[in-house]
Amino acid sequence: MARRRSFEVFTLSFLDTICCGFGAVILFYTILSAQAGAVRLRETDVLSAEVDRLMEQVQTGERNLAVLRDTLTRTRNEIASATRETSRIVTDLASRREQLSSYDAQTVARRERIEKLKADIRSLEEGNRRLEAGSLERAPLGQQVSGRSAVERRYINGLILRGRHILILLDVSASMLHEDLVAIIRLRNQDAAHKRAAAKWRRAVAIVDWLMTQIPAGSSYQILTFNTQAQPLVPGGWLAGSDTAAHARGMQALETLVPADGTSLYNAFAAARGLSPQPDQIVLITDGLPTQGKTRGLRRYVNSAERMRLFDEAVSQLPGHVPIDCVLLPMLGDLQAAHRFWHLSHVTDGTLLMPSKDWP
């Protein structure tokens, strides 16, 4: 009897079909997963690029922040400096206002002194006119001196040489070359011959010549030249007024001098006080206030206030109770000189003479 074959549900072909289906499903999911991974990679690359861009922006921002911080620090320093400068300017402005008020007060006082000087000048001119009206003999104006003449010339100027020991102080500083500062600077750079030929210096030489001719026969005299230092024109102490040879030596020495350097009135007055016997009359020939004291100062330029202080220091060196006659050949712009020398002559019973350009 034949055996019956058993029926099986899961045959090999069926299992192959199921495996193929599962493989297809797995392959499908694998393909989908791969595509999703590629998308994620692309997204990751985009995000990485964006992160890199943002990091670069952050780094740029940090650098800009450092620059801004440096700029802020400099700005704060500049603000602090500007604040200090503003405070200094405000303080300086307040000081200038005080000085301006002081200058206004000084200007009023100077105007009053000028008016008084004008009144004194008018009084002197009136006295001169009275003297001229009563004079029996007059000398021609502008007559040149070439030695002691037999007939003494008479000038109505108030300058009378009356001492027993007469000292002539002659300023030989560079300012004696001209009345104008610009012209002085120009002449200072020229040779010695041009300096000796300067019109103002020739006037000073002529004044000294005239003064030597007016020394009384019984009197003696000496001439001290001064700029930064003082020294005798003719060495040998006091010279006799009647000594014509001394007069000639003095004029010869004058012709070799060249005005130079600054003006130390302090050293000139100190040298006058050191003479023995001391002078009993001093004739000062100069053109303005001094520019230095006993020694050369540290500053190259001195203002008007400093020159007045140097003048006051120099006056303290004068020998006591000696008349000071001042012959002033004024500089342009030196407004205080006339008043200071007039006051010096006034308090010492001397005379201030500001001669015209044709005198003597």
Protein backbone atom coordinates (compact mmCIF):
# COMPACT_ATOMS: atom_id res chain seq x y z
CA MET A 1 0.00 0.00 0.00
CA ALA A 2 1.38 3.30 -1.03
CA ARG A 3 2.44 5.82 1.70
CA ARG A 4 0.75 9.14 1.68
CA ARG A 5 3.01 12.18 1.30
CA SER A 6 2.70 14.80 4.06
CA PHE A 7 1.74 18.33 3.06
CA GLU A 8 4.04 21.16 4.41
CA VAL A 9 3.07 24.81 4.34
CA PHE A 10 6.54 26.32 4.40
CA THR A 11 8.36 24.97 1.46
CA LEU A 12 11.78 26.19 0.27
CA SER A 13 10.32 28.29 -2.46
CA PHE A 14 8.03 30.03 -0.05
CA LEU A 15 10.88 30.81 2.31
CA ASP A 16 12.92 32.16 -0.59
CA THR A 17 10.08 34.44 -1.53
CA ILE A 18 9.72 35.71 2.02
CA CYS A 19 13.46 36.29 2.30
CA CYS A 20 13.48 38.16 -0.98
CA GLY A 21 10.65 40.34 0.27
CA PHE A 22 12.40 41.05 3.52
CA GLY A 23 15.58 41.77 1.60
CA ALA A 24 13.70 44.16 -0.63
CA VAL A 25 12.25 45.90 2.41
CA ILE A 26 15.68 46.09 4.01
CA LEU A 27 17.18 47.38 0.78
CA PHE A 28 14.42 49.97 0.56
CA TYR A 29 15.04 51.13 4.11
CA THR A 30 18.76 51.13 3.47
CA ILE A 31 18.29 53.34 0.44
CA LEU A 32 16.02 55.67 2.40
CA SER A 33 18.49 55.75 5.28
CA ALA A 34 21.37 56.54 2.93
CA GLN A 35 19.43 59.34 1.33
CA ALA A 36 18.52 60.72 4.79
CA GLY A 37 22.22 60.50 5.81
CA ALA A 38 23.26 62.42 2.71
CA VAL A 39 20.68 65.07 3.47
CA ARG A 40 21.91 65.28 7.04
CA LEU A 41 25.49 65.55 5.83
CA ARG A 42 24.56 68.37 3.50
CA GLU A 43 22.67 70.10 6.32
CA THR A 44 25.63 69.52 8.64
CA ASP A 45 27.98 71.06 6.07
CA VAL A 46 25.67 74.06 5.72
CA LEU A 47 25.43 74.44 9.48
CA SER A 48 29.20 74.06 9.86
CA ALA A 49 29.76 76.73 7.24
CA GLU A 50 27.26 78.96 9.04
CA VAL A 51 29.00 78.27 12.37
CA ASP A 52 32.38 79.12 10.79
CA ARG A 53 30.93 82.33 9.36
CA LEU A 54 29.46 83.26 12.73
CA MET A 55 32.77 82.46 14.47
CA GLU A 56 34.59 84.67 12.00
CA GLN A 57 32.08 87.44 12.68
CA VAL A 58 32.60 86.93 16.41
CA GLN A 59 36.37 87.15 16.00
CA THR A 60 36.00 90.26 13.82
CA GLY A 61 33.69 91.73 16.42
CA GLU A 62 36.21 90.99 19.17
CA ARG A 63 38.96 92.69 17.18
CA ASN A 64 36.71 95.68 16.51
CA LEU A 65 35.80 95.72 20.20
CA ALA A 66 39.49 95.89 21.15
CA VAL A 67 39.98 98.76 18.70
CA LEU A 68 36.94 100.52 20.10
CA ARG A 69 38.24 100.01 23.63
CA ASP A 70 41.61 101.53 22.64
CA THR A 71 39.79 104.40 20.95
CA LEU A 72 37.63 104.89 24.04
CA THR A 73 40.75 104.95 26.24
CA ARG A 74 42.45 107.50 23.99
CA THR A 75 39.28 109.57 23.88
CA ARG A 76 39.05 109.55 27.66
CA ASN A 77 42.71 110.58 27.91
CA GLU A 78 42.15 113.36 25.39
CA ILE A 79 39.08 114.50 27.31
CA ALA A 80 41.13 114.57 30.53
CA SER A 81 43.92 116.48 28.78
CA ALA A 82 41.41 118.89 27.24
CA THR A 83 39.86 119.40 30.66
CA ARG A 84 43.24 120.22 32.17
CA GLU A 85 44.05 122.55 29.27
CA THR A 86 40.67 124.22 29.68
CA SER A 87 41.35 124.73 33.37
CA ARG A 88 44.77 126.17 32.57
CA ILE A 89 43.31 128.50 29.94
CA VAL A 90 40.60 129.65 32.36
CA THR A 91 43.24 130.30 35.02
CA ASP A 92 45.47 132.08 32.51
CA LEU A 93 42.51 134.14 31.31
CA ALA A 94 41.72 135.18 34.85
CA SER A 95 45.38 136.12 35.36
CA ARG A 96 45.41 138.07 32.09
CA ARG A 97 42.30 139.93 33.19
CA GLU A 98 44.00 140.85 36.45
CA GLN A 99 47.09 141.97 34.53
CA LEU A 100 44.92 143.96 32.15
CA SER A 101 43.28 145.69 35.08
CA SER A 102 46.73 146.41 36.50
CA TYR A 103 47.93 147.69 33.11
CA ASP A 104 44.89 149.93 32.86
CA ALA A 105 45.72 151.38 36.25
CA GLN A 106 49.37 151.79 35.22
CA THR A 107 48.29 153.41 31.95
CA VAL A 108 46.28 155.99 33.84
CA ALA A 109 49.24 156.65 36.13
CA ARG A 110 51.57 156.90 33.14
CA ARG A 111 49.28 159.35 31.43
CA GLU A 112 49.31 161.46 34.53
CA ARG A 113 53.11 161.30 34.65
CA ILE A 114 53.30 162.13 30.94
CA GLU A 115 51.08 165.14 31.45
CA LYS A 116 53.32 166.21 34.33
CA LEU A 117 56.39 165.73 32.15
CA LYS A 118 54.77 167.79 29.41
CA ALA A 119 54.06 170.51 31.94
CA ASP A 120 57.71 170.35 33.08
CA ILE A 121 58.87 170.52 29.45
CA ARG A 122 56.66 173.54 28.80
CA SER A 123 58.08 175.16 31.92
CA LEU A 124 61.65 174.41 30.76
CA GLU A 125 60.91 175.73 27.28
CA GLU A 126 59.51 178.90 28.78
CA GLY A 127 62.64 179.24 30.90
CA ASN A 128 64.80 178.64 27.82
CA ARG A 129 62.94 181.34 25.93
CA ARG A 130 63.50 183.76 28.78
CA LEU A 131 67.19 182.85 28.86
CA GLU A 132 67.47 183.24 25.10
CA ALA A 133 65.82 186.63 25.30
CA GLY A 134 68.34 187.75 27.94
CA SER A 135 71.42 186.18 26.35
CA LEU A 136 73.98 188.60 24.94
CA GLU A 137 75.97 185.98 23.08
CA ARG A 138 74.69 182.89 21.30
CA ALA A 139 76.58 180.15 19.57
CA PRO A 140 75.35 178.76 16.25
CA LEU A 141 73.31 175.57 16.62
CA GLY A 142 74.91 172.37 15.41
CA GLN A 143 78.47 173.75 15.52
CA GLN A 144 80.92 170.85 15.35
CA VAL A 145 83.64 170.25 17.96
CA SER A 146 87.19 169.60 16.78
CA GLY A 147 89.07 170.33 19.98
CA ARG A 148 89.05 173.03 22.65
CA SER A 149 88.48 176.40 20.97
CA ALA A 150 89.58 179.69 22.43
CA VAL A 151 86.01 180.88 22.65
CA GLU A 152 83.74 178.41 24.48
CA ARG A 153 80.41 177.80 22.82
CA ARG A 154 77.31 178.36 24.90
CA TYR A 155 74.31 176.04 24.65
CA ILE A 156 71.07 176.69 26.47
CA ASN A 157 70.56 173.12 27.61
CA GLY A 158 70.82 173.19 31.40
CA LEU A 159 73.79 170.80 31.38
CA ILE A 160 76.55 172.50 33.33
CA LEU A 161 79.80 170.77 34.24
CA ARG A 162 80.53 172.06 37.72
CA GLY A 163 82.15 169.18 39.65
CA ARG A 164 85.73 168.76 40.76
CA HIS A 165 85.78 165.13 39.62
CA ILE A 166 83.45 164.68 36.64
CA LEU A 167 82.71 161.17 35.44
CA ILE A 168 81.32 160.55 31.94
CA LEU A 169 79.61 157.18 31.49
CA LEU A 170 79.28 156.26 27.81
CA ASP A 171 77.02 153.41 26.69
CA VAL A 172 78.84 151.34 24.03
CA SER A 173 76.25 148.56 23.69
CA ALA A 174 74.88 147.44 20.31
CA SER A 175 71.73 149.55 20.75
CA MET A 176 73.86 152.70 20.31
CA LEU A 177 74.02 151.92 16.59
CA HIS A 178 70.47 153.05 15.78
CA GLU A 179 67.11 154.09 17.23
CA ASP A 180 65.22 151.22 15.57
CA LEU A 181 65.64 147.59 16.65
CA VAL A 182 65.43 146.22 13.10
CA ALA A 183 68.15 148.60 11.93
CA ILE A 184 70.30 147.62 14.95
CA ILE A 185 70.07 143.93 13.98
CA ARG A 186 71.01 144.79 10.40
CA LEU A 187 73.98 146.95 11.46
CA ARG A 188 75.13 144.38 14.02
CA ASN A 189 75.80 141.93 11.19
CA GLN A 190 77.94 144.40 9.24
CA ASP A 191 81.67 145.09 9.58
CA ALA A 192 83.27 147.35 12.19
CA ALA A 193 83.67 150.29 9.78
CA HIS A 194 79.91 150.44 9.13
CA LYS A 195 79.21 150.22 12.85
CA ARG A 196 81.58 153.09 13.67
CA ALA A 197 79.95 155.17 10.91
CA ALA A 198 76.41 154.70 12.28
CA ALA A 199 74.72 158.10 12.73
CA LYS A 200 73.61 157.49 16.31
CA TRP A 201 77.07 156.37 17.38
CA ARG A 202 78.65 159.40 15.71
CA ARG A 203 76.29 161.61 17.77
CA ALA A 204 77.44 159.86 20.95
CA VAL A 205 81.10 160.41 20.02
CA ALA A 206 80.40 164.09 19.27
CA ILE A 207 78.63 164.48 22.65
CA VAL A 208 81.65 163.06 24.49
CA ASP A 209 83.93 165.36 22.51
CA TRP A 210 81.78 168.35 23.42
CA LEU A 211 81.68 167.36 27.09
CA MET A 212 85.48 167.08 27.25
CA THR A 213 85.79 170.60 25.86
CA GLN A 214 83.49 171.88 28.63
CA ILE A 215 85.49 170.46 31.57
CA PRO A 216 86.58 173.40 33.76
CA ALA A 217 90.33 173.96 33.82
CA GLY A 218 90.53 173.30 37.57
CA SER A 219 88.54 170.07 37.41
CA SER A 220 89.45 166.51 36.48
CA TYR A 221 87.45 163.93 34.59
CA GLN A 222 87.34 160.32 33.52
CA ILE A 223 85.35 158.47 30.87
CA LEU A 224 84.03 154.97 31.56
CA THR A 225 82.62 153.01 28.64
CA PHE A 226 80.18 150.23 29.44
CA ASN A 227 78.15 147.51 27.79
CA THR A 228 78.19 144.21 29.69
CA GLN A 229 81.32 145.42 31.53
CA ALA A 230 82.68 148.87 32.43
CA GLN A 231 86.21 150.06 31.74
CA PRO A 232 88.02 153.43 31.43
CA LEU A 233 88.39 154.91 27.97
CA VAL A 234 91.83 156.30 28.86
CA PRO A 235 93.62 154.33 31.61
CA GLY A 236 95.42 156.24 34.33
CA GLY A 237 92.87 157.54 36.80
CA TRP A 238 91.47 161.07 36.78
CA LEU A 239 92.52 163.29 33.88
CA ALA A 240 93.11 167.02 34.16
CA GLY A 241 90.56 169.17 32.39
CA SER A 242 93.34 171.29 30.90
CA ASP A 243 95.23 168.26 29.52
CA THR A 244 94.78 168.52 25.76
CA ALA A 245 96.90 165.42 25.22
CA ALA A 246 94.44 163.38 27.34
CA HIS A 247 91.61 164.83 25.25
CA ALA A 248 93.37 163.69 22.07
CA ARG A 249 94.02 160.21 23.50
CA GLY A 250 90.37 159.95 24.50
CA MET A 251 89.14 160.89 21.02
CA GLN A 252 91.61 158.47 19.46
CA ALA A 253 90.35 155.67 21.70
CA LEU A 254 86.74 156.58 20.91
CA GLU A 255 87.39 156.19 17.19
CA THR A 256 88.51 152.59 17.74
CA LEU A 257 85.44 151.53 19.73
CA VAL A 258 82.71 149.41 18.12
CA PRO A 259 79.32 149.25 19.90
CA ALA A 260 78.45 145.65 20.81
CA ASP A 261 76.71 143.37 23.34
CA GLY A 262 74.04 144.23 25.90
CA THR A 263 73.75 146.98 28.50
CA SER A 264 74.67 146.54 32.18
CA LEU A 265 74.00 149.78 34.03
CA TYR A 266 74.68 147.86 37.24
CA ASN A 267 78.36 147.35 36.37
CA ALA A 268 78.71 150.95 35.17
CA PHE A 269 77.38 152.41 38.45
CA ALA A 270 79.39 149.91 40.51
CA ALA A 271 82.56 150.97 38.66
CA ALA A 272 81.70 154.63 39.34
CA ARG A 273 81.37 153.90 43.04
CA GLY A 274 84.74 152.14 43.00
CA LEU A 275 86.67 155.20 41.79
CA SER A 276 88.96 157.01 44.21
CA PRO A 277 88.29 159.77 44.86
CA GLN A 278 84.64 159.28 44.04
CA PRO A 279 83.04 161.53 41.39
CA ASP A 280 80.99 164.51 42.50
CA GLN A 281 79.15 164.75 39.14
CA ILE A 282 78.19 161.97 36.70
CA VAL A 283 77.12 162.50 33.10
CA LEU A 284 75.43 159.40 31.72
CA ILE A 285 75.13 158.99 27.93
CA THR A 286 72.82 156.13 27.04
CA ASP A 287 69.75 155.24 25.00
CA GLY A 288 67.46 153.20 27.24
CA LEU A 289 66.94 150.88 30.15
CA PRO A 290 69.49 148.10 30.80
CA THR A 291 69.10 144.60 29.40
CA GLN A 292 71.14 142.74 32.02
CA GLY A 293 72.28 143.06 35.60
CA LYS A 294 75.60 142.24 37.21
CA THR A 295 75.85 139.08 35.12
CA ARG A 296 74.21 137.87 31.94
CA GLY A 297 70.78 136.37 32.70
CA LEU A 298 69.51 132.99 31.60
CA ARG A 299 66.86 134.46 29.31
CA ARG A 300 67.82 135.74 25.88
CA TYR A 301 65.16 138.44 25.81
CA VAL A 302 63.94 140.70 28.64
CA ASN A 303 60.62 142.51 28.73
CA SER A 304 59.89 146.06 29.89
CA ALA A 305 59.12 145.06 33.48
CA GLU A 306 62.40 143.13 33.75
CA ARG A 307 64.38 146.07 32.36
CA MET A 308 62.82 148.42 34.92
CA ARG A 309 63.77 145.98 37.67
CA LEU A 310 67.36 145.88 36.36
CA PHE A 311 67.38 149.69 36.30
CA ASP A 312 66.30 149.85 39.96
CA GLU A 313 69.02 147.34 40.90
CA ALA A 314 71.61 149.42 39.07
CA VAL A 315 70.56 152.65 40.84
CA SER A 316 71.29 150.97 44.17
CA GLN A 317 74.99 150.86 43.14
CA LEU A 318 75.33 154.61 42.65
CA PRO A 319 77.62 156.54 44.98
CA GLY A 320 75.60 158.67 47.36
CA HIS A 321 74.80 162.38 46.97
CA VAL A 322 76.14 162.66 43.40
CA PRO A 323 74.16 164.59 40.74
CA ILE A 324 73.37 162.45 37.70
CA ASP A 325 73.02 164.30 34.40
CA CYS A 326 71.48 162.01 31.77
CA VAL A 327 71.90 162.53 28.02
CA LEU A 328 69.30 160.20 26.53
CA LEU A 329 69.34 159.16 22.87
CA PRO A 330 66.06 157.26 23.07
CA MET A 331 65.19 153.97 21.39
CA LEU A 332 61.89 153.63 19.54
CA GLY A 333 59.36 151.82 21.72
CA ASP A 334 61.29 152.17 25.00
CA LEU A 335 58.53 154.17 26.67
CA GLN A 336 59.72 153.82 30.26
CA ALA A 337 63.28 155.03 29.67
CA ALA A 338 62.53 158.77 29.57
CA HIS A 339 60.51 158.69 32.77
CA ARG A 340 63.04 156.53 34.69
CA PHE A 341 66.06 158.63 33.71
CA TRP A 342 64.15 161.86 34.32
CA HIS A 343 63.27 160.64 37.82
CA LEU A 344 66.90 159.61 38.44
CA SER A 345 68.12 163.07 37.40
CA HIS A 346 65.38 164.77 39.40
CA VAL A 347 66.06 163.00 42.70
CA THR A 348 69.84 163.55 42.40
CA ASP A 349 69.54 167.26 41.43
CA GLY A 350 70.78 166.50 37.94
CA THR A 351 69.46 167.24 34.44
CA LEU A 352 67.84 165.10 31.76
CA LEU A 353 68.75 166.09 28.21
CA MET A 354 67.14 164.51 25.14
CA PRO A 355 68.97 166.42 22.41
CA SER A 356 67.91 166.94 18.83
CA LYS A 357 69.81 165.12 16.11
CA ASP A 358 71.93 168.19 15.24
CA TRP A 359 73.31 168.52 18.80
CA PRO A 360 76.07 169.14 19.61
